[in-house]
């Protein structure tokens, strides 16, 4: 599909894929031209572990309340 067709006839999934594709293409162009790359957050091992545990405990609690 052409971008104009996606915008006029696309569903939500089409638009999400279109946005991701356009963003990635822009990122690659910026990276190649030496412009500032997208900032990514670097998390320590401990921070990642803590986030995972919080997520897991949230999932367990959701199961308890859904009964």
Protein backbone atom coordinates (compact mmCIF):
# COMPACT_ATOMS: atom_id res chain seq x y z
CA UNK A 1 0.00 0.00 0.00
CA UNK A 2 1.09 3.54 -0.63
CA UNK A 3 1.39 5.76 2.45
CA UNK A 4 -1.60 7.80 1.29
CA UNK A 5 -3.68 4.62 1.06
CA UNK A 6 -2.64 3.50 4.54
CA UNK A 7 -3.69 6.85 5.97
CA UNK A 8 -7.04 6.85 4.19
CA UNK A 9 -8.03 3.15 4.38
CA UNK A 10 -5.76 1.56 6.97
CA UNK A 11 -6.88 0.08 10.25
CA UNK A 12 -5.12 0.57 13.58
CA UNK A 13 -2.61 -2.22 12.97
CA UNK A 14 -1.69 -0.78 9.56
CA UNK A 15 -1.08 2.62 11.12
CA UNK A 16 1.06 1.18 13.93
CA UNK A 17 3.22 -0.72 11.46
CA UNK A 18 3.48 2.32 9.19
CA UNK A 19 4.59 4.50 12.13
CA UNK A 20 7.17 1.96 13.32
CA UNK A 21 8.54 1.58 9.79
CA UNK A 22 8.80 5.34 9.23
CA UNK A 23 10.45 5.87 12.64
CA UNK A 24 12.99 3.13 12.01
CA UNK A 25 13.80 4.48 8.55
CA UNK A 26 14.34 7.96 10.05
CA UNK A 27 16.56 6.46 12.77
CA UNK A 28 18.72 4.68 10.17
CA UNK A 29 19.04 7.86 8.11
CA UNK A 30 20.03 9.90 11.18
CA UNK A 31 22.52 7.24 12.22
CA UNK A 32 24.09 7.17 8.76
CA UNK A 33 24.35 10.95 8.52
CA UNK A 34 25.95 11.20 11.97
CA UNK A 35 23.10 13.11 13.58
CA UNK A 36 22.33 12.50 17.22
CA UNK A 37 20.94 9.00 17.55
CA UNK A 38 17.84 8.19 19.52
CA UNK A 39 18.62 8.16 23.20
CA UNK A 40 18.18 4.81 24.82
CA UNK A 41 18.16 4.26 28.52
CA UNK A 42 20.83 2.02 29.89
CA UNK A 43 19.64 0.16 32.94
CA UNK A 44 21.90 -1.64 35.37
CA UNK A 45 21.43 -5.34 36.01
CA UNK A 46 19.94 -4.56 39.43
CA UNK A 47 17.43 -2.09 37.97
CA UNK A 48 16.31 -4.61 35.36
CA UNK A 49 15.98 -7.31 38.02
CA UNK A 50 13.89 -4.99 40.20
CA UNK A 51 11.59 -4.10 37.29
CA UNK A 52 11.11 -7.76 36.45
CA UNK A 53 10.23 -8.64 40.04
CA UNK A 54 7.72 -5.76 40.24
CA UNK A 55 6.14 -6.93 37.01
CA UNK A 56 5.94 -10.53 38.19
CA UNK A 57 4.40 -9.58 41.53
CA UNK A 58 1.84 -7.42 39.70
CA UNK A 59 0.83 -10.37 37.54
CA UNK A 60 0.46 -12.60 40.60
CA UNK A 61 -1.68 -10.00 42.36
CA UNK A 62 -3.93 -9.64 39.32
CA UNK A 63 -4.64 -13.38 39.42
CA UNK A 64 -5.57 -13.16 43.08
CA UNK A 65 -8.08 -10.37 42.45
CA UNK A 66 -9.66 -11.90 39.35
CA UNK A 67 -11.22 -14.81 41.26
